[in-house]
Amino acid sequence: MATIFSRIIAGEIPSYKVAENDKFYAFLDINPLVKGHTLVVPKQETDYIFDLDDETLAEMHIFAKSVARAIEKTIPCKRVAVSVIGLEVPHAHIHLVPISKESDIIISNPKLKFSSEAFTAIAKAINKAWGG
């Protein structure tokens, strides 16, 4: 059975896509900690990030870096934090979270709510900065 992320990548479930190449897909978290909170996932369905082969893991981080640079150009923040928790969905993923203070990355913080229009505008802005 495909994970929710595989179904998003396949277009079966809508998402607010930020960036995509042949191996990776980045989209806005629909339960974000902050504006611009993005998930980066490999298209290859693998549960645990450290089960990815070394080349794929390295490429995933390089792809995430390009997305983080686009987030920095779009969302006011001091840095883009990186978090890998991996318990919520059995599909490897990296959280990219624009932060202004360390507490912005605490995963148990209340999640923000945005309208579909706001999510679309955020995703388009980051995608444009990414070069999509």
N, C-alpha and C. Protein backbone atom coordinates (compact mmCIF):
# COMPACT_ATOMS: atom_id res chain seq x y z
N MET A 1 0.84 -1.20 0.00
CA MET A 1 0.00 0.00 0.00
C MET A 1 0.88 1.25 0.00
N ALA A 2 0.59 2.15 -0.88
CA ALA A 2 1.40 3.36 -1.01
C ALA A 2 1.19 4.30 0.18
N THR A 3 2.25 4.98 0.56
CA THR A 3 2.13 5.96 1.63
C THR A 3 1.39 7.19 1.12
N ILE A 4 0.95 8.02 2.04
CA ILE A 4 0.29 9.27 1.65
C ILE A 4 1.24 10.12 0.80
N PHE A 5 2.54 10.09 1.10
CA PHE A 5 3.49 10.87 0.31
C PHE A 5 3.62 10.33 -1.11
N SER A 6 3.62 9.01 -1.27
CA SER A 6 3.66 8.42 -2.62
C SER A 6 2.41 8.81 -3.40
N ARG A 7 1.28 8.85 -2.71
CA ARG A 7 0.03 9.23 -3.37
C ARG A 7 0.05 10.71 -3.75
N ILE A 8 0.70 11.55 -2.93
CA ILE A 8 0.86 12.97 -3.27
C ILE A 8 1.75 13.11 -4.49
N ILE A 9 2.88 12.42 -4.50
CA ILE A 9 3.82 12.47 -5.63
C ILE A 9 3.13 12.02 -6.92
N ALA A 10 2.29 10.99 -6.82
CA ALA A 10 1.59 10.45 -7.99
C ALA A 10 0.44 11.35 -8.45
N GLY A 11 0.11 12.37 -7.66
CA GLY A 11 -0.97 13.28 -8.01
C GLY A 11 -2.34 12.77 -7.60
N GLU A 12 -2.39 11.69 -6.82
CA GLU A 12 -3.68 11.15 -6.35
C GLU A 12 -4.27 12.00 -5.23
N ILE A 13 -3.39 12.67 -4.49
CA ILE A 13 -3.81 13.57 -3.41
C ILE A 13 -3.20 14.92 -3.74
N PRO A 14 -4.00 16.00 -3.71
CA PRO A 14 -3.45 17.32 -4.04
C PRO A 14 -2.40 17.78 -3.02
N SER A 15 -1.48 18.59 -3.50
CA SER A 15 -0.46 19.17 -2.61
C SER A 15 -0.11 20.56 -3.13
N TYR A 16 0.60 21.28 -2.30
CA TYR A 16 1.09 22.60 -2.68
C TYR A 16 2.57 22.42 -3.01
N LYS A 17 2.84 22.01 -4.24
CA LYS A 17 4.19 21.68 -4.68
C LYS A 17 5.06 22.93 -4.71
N VAL A 18 6.26 22.76 -4.17
CA VAL A 18 7.25 23.83 -4.13
C VAL A 18 8.35 23.56 -5.16
N ALA A 19 8.77 22.30 -5.28
CA ALA A 19 9.86 21.95 -6.19
C ALA A 19 9.78 20.46 -6.49
N GLU A 20 10.33 20.09 -7.67
CA GLU A 20 10.33 18.68 -8.06
C GLU A 20 11.42 18.44 -9.09
N ASN A 21 12.07 17.30 -8.98
CA ASN A 21 12.94 16.84 -10.04
C ASN A 21 12.66 15.35 -10.25
N ASP A 22 13.52 14.64 -10.94
CA ASP A 22 13.22 13.24 -11.23
C ASP A 22 13.28 12.33 -10.00
N LYS A 23 13.94 12.75 -8.93
CA LYS A 23 14.09 11.90 -7.75
C LYS A 23 13.40 12.39 -6.48
N PHE A 24 13.09 13.69 -6.43
CA PHE A 24 12.57 14.27 -5.18
C PHE A 24 11.39 15.20 -5.43
N TYR A 25 10.60 15.37 -4.38
CA TYR A 25 9.40 16.20 -4.44
C TYR A 25 9.35 17.01 -3.15
N ALA A 26 9.11 18.31 -3.27
CA ALA A 26 8.99 19.18 -2.10
C ALA A 26 7.64 19.87 -2.13
N PHE A 27 6.96 19.88 -0.99
CA PHE A 27 5.63 20.47 -0.91
C PHE A 27 5.40 21.05 0.47
N LEU A 28 4.48 22.00 0.56
CA LEU A 28 4.18 22.62 1.84
C LEU A 28 3.52 21.63 2.78
N ASP A 29 3.94 21.67 4.04
CA ASP A 29 3.29 20.88 5.09
C ASP A 29 1.91 21.51 5.31
N ILE A 30 0.86 20.70 5.28
CA ILE A 30 -0.49 21.28 5.45
C ILE A 30 -0.83 21.54 6.92
N ASN A 31 0.05 21.13 7.82
CA ASN A 31 -0.07 21.46 9.24
C ASN A 31 1.24 22.13 9.67
N PRO A 32 1.50 23.32 9.14
CA PRO A 32 2.81 23.93 9.32
C PRO A 32 3.06 24.51 10.71
N LEU A 33 4.32 24.45 11.11
CA LEU A 33 4.75 25.14 12.33
C LEU A 33 4.82 26.64 12.09
N VAL A 34 5.28 27.01 10.89
CA VAL A 34 5.40 28.41 10.48
C VAL A 34 5.10 28.50 8.99
N LYS A 35 4.88 29.70 8.52
CA LYS A 35 4.67 29.93 7.09
C LYS A 35 5.90 29.45 6.31
N GLY A 36 5.69 28.64 5.28
CA GLY A 36 6.77 28.15 4.46
C GLY A 36 7.33 26.79 4.87
N HIS A 37 6.79 26.20 5.93
CA HIS A 37 7.22 24.86 6.39
C HIS A 37 7.02 23.88 5.24
N THR A 38 8.11 23.29 4.79
CA THR A 38 8.12 22.45 3.59
C THR A 38 8.65 21.06 3.90
N LEU A 39 8.09 20.07 3.22
CA LEU A 39 8.57 18.69 3.34
C LEU A 39 9.28 18.32 2.04
N VAL A 40 10.41 17.65 2.16
CA VAL A 40 11.17 17.14 1.03
C VAL A 40 11.17 15.62 1.14
N VAL A 41 10.70 14.95 0.08
CA VAL A 41 10.62 13.49 0.11
C VAL A 41 11.25 12.90 -1.15
N PRO A 42 11.85 11.72 -0.99
CA PRO A 42 12.33 11.02 -2.19
C PRO A 42 11.13 10.39 -2.88
N LYS A 43 11.16 10.31 -4.19
CA LYS A 43 10.09 9.64 -4.91
C LYS A 43 10.14 8.13 -4.66
N GLN A 44 11.32 7.64 -4.37
CA GLN A 44 11.49 6.22 -3.99
C GLN A 44 10.92 6.05 -2.58
N GLU A 45 9.93 5.20 -2.44
CA GLU A 45 9.29 5.01 -1.15
C GLU A 45 10.20 4.18 -0.23
N THR A 46 10.74 4.84 0.77
CA THR A 46 11.59 4.22 1.78
C THR A 46 11.15 4.76 3.12
N ASP A 47 10.94 3.88 4.10
CA ASP A 47 10.42 4.28 5.39
C ASP A 47 11.41 5.16 6.15
N TYR A 48 12.64 4.68 6.34
CA TYR A 48 13.61 5.32 7.22
C TYR A 48 14.68 6.00 6.39
N ILE A 49 14.92 7.27 6.66
CA ILE A 49 15.85 8.05 5.84
C ILE A 49 17.23 7.40 5.74
N PHE A 50 17.68 6.76 6.80
CA PHE A 50 19.02 6.17 6.77
C PHE A 50 19.03 4.78 6.13
N ASP A 51 17.90 4.36 5.59
CA ASP A 51 17.87 3.16 4.74
C ASP A 51 18.07 3.52 3.28
N LEU A 52 18.07 4.83 2.95
CA LEU A 52 18.37 5.26 1.59
C LEU A 52 19.84 4.96 1.31
N ASP A 53 20.16 4.63 0.06
CA ASP A 53 21.58 4.43 -0.27
C ASP A 53 22.28 5.78 -0.16
N ASP A 54 23.59 5.74 0.01
CA ASP A 54 24.36 6.96 0.27
C ASP A 54 24.18 8.02 -0.81
N GLU A 55 24.16 7.61 -2.06
CA GLU A 55 24.03 8.57 -3.15
C GLU A 55 22.68 9.28 -3.10
N THR A 56 21.61 8.53 -2.87
CA THR A 56 20.27 9.12 -2.79
C THR A 56 20.16 10.04 -1.59
N LEU A 57 20.72 9.62 -0.46
CA LEU A 57 20.68 10.46 0.74
C LEU A 57 21.42 11.77 0.50
N ALA A 58 22.59 11.70 -0.12
CA ALA A 58 23.35 12.93 -0.42
C ALA A 58 22.57 13.82 -1.40
N GLU A 59 22.02 13.22 -2.44
CA GLU A 59 21.26 14.00 -3.43
C GLU A 59 20.02 14.63 -2.79
N MET A 60 19.40 13.94 -1.85
CA MET A 60 18.22 14.47 -1.17
C MET A 60 18.59 15.73 -0.39
N HIS A 61 19.73 15.69 0.27
CA HIS A 61 20.17 16.86 1.04
C HIS A 61 20.55 18.02 0.12
N ILE A 62 21.14 17.73 -1.01
CA ILE A 62 21.48 18.79 -1.98
C ILE A 62 20.20 19.41 -2.55
N PHE A 63 19.20 18.56 -2.86
CA PHE A 63 17.91 19.07 -3.33
C PHE A 63 17.27 19.92 -2.23
N ALA A 64 17.30 19.43 -0.98
CA ALA A 64 16.72 20.18 0.14
C ALA A 64 17.42 21.53 0.30
N LYS A 65 18.73 21.57 0.08
CA LYS A 65 19.46 22.83 0.18
C LYS A 65 18.94 23.84 -0.85
N SER A 66 18.68 23.38 -2.08
CA SER A 66 18.17 24.30 -3.11
C SER A 66 16.79 24.82 -2.73
N VAL A 67 15.98 23.97 -2.12
CA VAL A 67 14.65 24.40 -1.68
C VAL A 67 14.78 25.37 -0.50
N ALA A 68 15.69 25.07 0.43
CA ALA A 68 15.91 25.96 1.57
C ALA A 68 16.34 27.35 1.10
N ARG A 69 17.20 27.43 0.10
CA ARG A 69 17.63 28.73 -0.43
C ARG A 69 16.45 29.49 -1.01
N ALA A 70 15.54 28.79 -1.66
CA ALA A 70 14.34 29.43 -2.20
C ALA A 70 13.43 29.91 -1.08
N ILE A 71 13.31 29.12 -0.02
CA ILE A 71 12.50 29.53 1.13
C ILE A 71 13.09 30.81 1.74
N GLU A 72 14.43 30.85 1.88
CA GLU A 72 15.09 32.03 2.45
C GLU A 72 14.81 33.30 1.63
N LYS A 73 14.68 33.15 0.33
CA LYS A 73 14.42 34.30 -0.54
C LYS A 73 12.96 34.74 -0.45
N THR A 74 12.10 33.88 0.06
CA THR A 74 10.66 34.11 0.02
C THR A 74 10.05 34.44 1.38
N ILE A 75 10.51 33.76 2.41
CA ILE A 75 9.91 33.87 3.75
C ILE A 75 10.90 34.58 4.67
N PRO A 76 10.51 35.69 5.30
CA PRO A 76 11.42 36.34 6.24
C PRO A 76 11.79 35.39 7.39
N CYS A 77 13.10 35.15 7.54
CA CYS A 77 13.57 34.25 8.60
C CYS A 77 15.07 34.46 8.79
N LYS A 78 15.59 33.98 9.90
CA LYS A 78 17.04 34.05 10.13
C LYS A 78 17.74 32.87 9.46
N ARG A 79 17.08 31.71 9.49
CA ARG A 79 17.62 30.50 8.89
C ARG A 79 16.47 29.58 8.51
N VAL A 80 16.82 28.54 7.75
CA VAL A 80 15.88 27.46 7.51
C VAL A 80 16.41 26.27 8.28
N ALA A 81 15.64 25.84 9.27
CA ALA A 81 16.03 24.70 10.09
C ALA A 81 15.68 23.40 9.39
N VAL A 82 16.41 22.37 9.72
CA VAL A 82 16.20 21.04 9.14
C VAL A 82 15.87 20.09 10.27
N SER A 83 14.83 19.30 10.07
CA SER A 83 14.45 18.30 11.05
C SER A 83 14.08 17.01 10.33
N VAL A 84 14.57 15.91 10.85
CA VAL A 84 14.19 14.59 10.36
C VAL A 84 13.69 13.82 11.57
N ILE A 85 12.41 13.55 11.59
CA ILE A 85 11.82 12.82 12.72
C ILE A 85 11.44 11.43 12.25
N GLY A 86 10.62 11.39 11.20
CA GLY A 86 10.35 10.13 10.53
C GLY A 86 9.39 9.18 11.20
N LEU A 87 8.62 9.63 12.16
CA LEU A 87 7.66 8.72 12.79
C LEU A 87 6.23 8.95 12.31
N GLU A 88 5.95 10.12 11.75
CA GLU A 88 4.58 10.46 11.38
C GLU A 88 4.09 9.71 10.15
N VAL A 89 4.95 9.57 9.15
CA VAL A 89 4.59 8.92 7.89
C VAL A 89 5.73 7.95 7.55
N PRO A 90 5.41 6.70 7.19
CA PRO A 90 6.47 5.74 6.88
C PRO A 90 7.09 5.95 5.50
N HIS A 91 7.54 7.16 5.25
CA HIS A 91 8.19 7.54 3.99
C HIS A 91 9.21 8.61 4.37
N ALA A 92 10.48 8.36 4.10
CA ALA A 92 11.54 9.27 4.49
C ALA A 92 11.20 10.70 4.08
N HIS A 93 11.46 11.65 4.96
CA HIS A 93 11.21 13.04 4.63
C HIS A 93 12.01 13.97 5.54
N ILE A 94 12.29 15.14 4.98
CA ILE A 94 13.00 16.20 5.68
C ILE A 94 12.05 17.38 5.84
N HIS A 95 11.97 17.92 7.05
CA HIS A 95 11.22 19.15 7.29
C HIS A 95 12.18 20.32 7.10
N LEU A 96 11.80 21.29 6.30
CA LEU A 96 12.51 22.56 6.16
C LEU A 96 11.62 23.62 6.78
N VAL A 97 12.09 24.24 7.86
CA VAL A 97 11.25 25.16 8.62
C VAL A 97 11.96 26.51 8.75
N PRO A 98 11.40 27.56 8.11
CA PRO A 98 12.00 28.88 8.28
C PRO A 98 11.85 29.32 9.74
N ILE A 99 12.96 29.70 10.36
CA ILE A 99 12.90 30.06 11.78
C ILE A 99 13.51 31.43 12.02
N SER A 100 12.99 32.09 13.05
CA SER A 100 13.57 33.34 13.54
C SER A 100 14.10 33.14 14.95
N LYS A 101 13.62 32.08 15.61
CA LYS A 101 14.12 31.71 16.94
C LYS A 101 14.06 30.18 17.05
N GLU A 102 14.88 29.62 17.93
CA GLU A 102 14.97 28.17 18.02
C GLU A 102 13.63 27.50 18.31
N SER A 103 12.80 28.13 19.10
CA SER A 103 11.53 27.51 19.47
C SER A 103 10.57 27.35 18.28
N ASP A 104 10.86 28.00 17.15
CA ASP A 104 10.01 27.86 15.95
C ASP A 104 10.02 26.43 15.41
N ILE A 105 11.04 25.64 15.73
CA ILE A 105 11.18 24.29 15.18
C ILE A 105 10.62 23.21 16.11
N ILE A 106 10.11 23.58 17.27
CA ILE A 106 9.58 22.57 18.19
C ILE A 106 8.34 21.95 17.56
N ILE A 107 8.45 20.66 17.24
CA ILE A 107 7.43 19.96 16.45
C ILE A 107 6.08 19.89 17.16
N SER A 108 6.07 20.00 18.49
CA SER A 108 4.80 19.94 19.23
C SER A 108 4.13 21.31 19.35
N ASN A 109 4.75 22.35 18.80
CA ASN A 109 4.11 23.68 18.80
C ASN A 109 2.75 23.60 18.10
N PRO A 110 1.85 24.51 18.44
CA PRO A 110 0.58 24.55 17.71
C PRO A 110 0.82 24.77 16.22
N LYS A 111 0.04 24.10 15.41
CA LYS A 111 0.17 24.22 13.96
C LYS A 111 -0.66 25.41 13.48
N LEU A 112 -0.19 26.02 12.41
CA LEU A 112 -0.90 27.16 11.82
C LEU A 112 -1.94 26.68 10.82
N LYS A 113 -2.89 27.51 10.55
CA LYS A 113 -3.92 27.22 9.55
C LYS A 113 -3.85 28.32 8.49
N PHE A 114 -3.86 27.90 7.23
CA PHE A 114 -3.88 28.83 6.11
C PHE A 114 -5.00 28.43 5.17
N SER A 115 -5.51 29.40 4.43
CA SER A 115 -6.50 29.10 3.40
C SER A 115 -5.80 28.43 2.23
N SER A 116 -6.57 27.80 1.39
CA SER A 116 -6.04 27.19 0.18
C SER A 116 -5.34 28.25 -0.68
N GLU A 117 -5.93 29.43 -0.74
CA GLU A 117 -5.34 30.53 -1.52
C GLU A 117 -3.99 30.94 -0.95
N ALA A 118 -3.89 30.99 0.37
CA ALA A 118 -2.62 31.37 1.00
C ALA A 118 -1.56 30.31 0.74
N PHE A 119 -1.93 29.02 0.91
CA PHE A 119 -0.98 27.93 0.62
C PHE A 119 -0.51 28.02 -0.83
N THR A 120 -1.43 28.24 -1.74
CA THR A 120 -1.09 28.33 -3.17
C THR A 120 -0.11 29.47 -3.41
N ALA A 121 -0.36 30.63 -2.82
CA ALA A 121 0.51 31.79 -3.01
C ALA A 121 1.91 31.52 -2.43
N ILE A 122 1.97 30.90 -1.26
CA ILE A 122 3.27 30.59 -0.64
C ILE A 122 4.04 29.61 -1.53
N ALA A 123 3.37 28.55 -1.97
CA ALA A 123 4.03 27.54 -2.81
C ALA A 123 4.53 28.15 -4.11
N LYS A 124 3.71 28.98 -4.74
CA LYS A 124 4.12 29.62 -6.00
C LYS A 124 5.33 30.53 -5.80
N ALA A 125 5.34 31.28 -4.71
CA ALA A 125 6.45 32.20 -4.43
C ALA A 125 7.76 31.43 -4.23
N ILE A 126 7.69 30.36 -3.45
CA ILE A 126 8.90 29.56 -3.20
C ILE A 126 9.34 28.88 -4.50
N ASN A 127 8.38 28.35 -5.25
CA ASN A 127 8.71 27.69 -6.52
C ASN A 127 9.39 28.67 -7.48
N LYS A 128 8.88 29.88 -7.53
CA LYS A 128 9.47 30.89 -8.43
C LYS A 128 10.91 31.19 -7.99
N ALA A 129 11.14 31.32 -6.68
CA ALA A 129 12.49 31.56 -6.18
C ALA A 129 13.40 30.36 -6.43
N TRP A 130 12.83 29.17 -6.42
CA TRP A 130 13.58 27.93 -6.68
C TRP A 130 14.00 27.85 -8.14
N GLY A 131 13.21 28.46 -9.00
CA GLY A 131 13.53 28.44 -10.42
C GLY A 131 12.59 27.57 -11.25
N GLY A 132 11.47 27.21 -10.63
CA GLY A 132 10.49 26.37 -11.31
C GLY A 132 9.60 27.12 -12.25
